[in-house]
Amino acid sequence: MIGTSEPFRICEECDTVWETGAPSNHAPFTILEEHMKQFGKPPLWSLLERLEQGKATAP
């Protein structure tokens, strides 16, 4: 997400967000609206920044 250094995975079809690990049908996961609300941001795809797989690193 633009303005943060916390990478996460998101499903482009259903807006499911996984903050850690690989996508699965089991918790922990949330939806984009709830995830963005944690940062005080609206659930807009324009606020997301696509990273190449394997390139996500914390500063």
Protein backbone atom coordinates (compact mmCIF):
# COMPACT_ATOMS: atom_id res chain seq x y z
CA MET A 1 0.00 0.00 0.00
CA ILE A 2 1.34 3.42 -0.89
CA GLY A 3 2.65 5.12 2.25
CA THR A 4 3.40 1.93 4.20
CA SER A 5 6.13 -0.69 4.10
CA GLU A 6 3.88 -3.61 5.05
CA PRO A 7 3.35 -5.90 2.04
CA PHE A 8 0.28 -8.12 1.81
CA ARG A 9 -1.42 -10.35 -0.73
CA ILE A 10 -4.82 -9.60 -2.23
CA CYS A 11 -7.19 -11.50 -4.50
CA GLU A 12 -8.10 -9.31 -7.48
CA GLU A 13 -11.43 -11.13 -7.90
CA CYS A 14 -12.87 -11.04 -4.37
CA ASP A 15 -10.76 -8.42 -2.47
CA THR A 16 -9.63 -10.94 0.17
CA VAL A 17 -6.44 -9.82 1.93
CA TRP A 18 -3.80 -12.06 3.52
CA GLU A 19 -1.36 -10.09 5.67
CA THR A 20 1.03 -13.02 6.09
CA GLY A 21 1.70 -16.32 4.40
CA ALA A 22 0.30 -17.79 1.25
CA PRO A 23 -3.34 -17.32 0.24
CA SER A 24 -5.68 -19.99 1.62
CA ASN A 25 -9.32 -20.54 2.51
CA HIS A 26 -8.47 -20.55 6.22
CA ALA A 27 -8.03 -17.64 8.63
CA PRO A 28 -6.25 -15.31 9.07
CA PHE A 29 -7.62 -13.25 6.22
CA THR A 30 -9.80 -10.16 5.87
CA ILE A 31 -11.34 -8.05 3.10
CA LEU A 32 -9.75 -5.02 1.48
CA GLU A 33 -12.20 -2.56 3.06
CA GLU A 34 -11.38 -3.74 6.60
CA HIS A 35 -7.64 -3.91 5.92
CA MET A 36 -7.49 -0.35 4.57
CA LYS A 37 -9.65 0.92 7.45
CA GLN A 38 -6.88 -0.18 9.86
CA PHE A 39 -4.65 2.44 8.19
CA GLY A 40 -7.34 5.13 8.00
CA LYS A 41 -7.55 4.83 4.21
CA PRO A 42 -10.47 4.23 1.85
CA PRO A 43 -10.58 0.83 0.07
CA LEU A 44 -9.28 2.10 -3.27
CA TRP A 45 -7.14 -0.02 -5.57
CA SER A 46 -5.38 3.20 -6.64
CA LEU A 47 -3.76 3.29 -3.18
CA LEU A 48 -2.15 -0.11 -3.73
CA GLU A 49 1.26 -0.64 -5.24
CA ARG A 50 1.94 -3.91 -7.06
CA LEU A 51 5.23 -5.54 -6.12
CA GLU A 52 6.95 -8.21 -8.13
CA GLN A 53 6.71 -11.60 -6.46
CA GLY A 54 9.71 -12.17 -4.21
CA LYS A 55 10.59 -8.44 -4.09
CA ALA A 56 8.66 -7.48 -0.92
CA THR A 57 11.12 -6.52 1.79
CA ALA A 58 10.82 -4.42 4.90
CA PRO A 59 13.14 -1.38 5.18
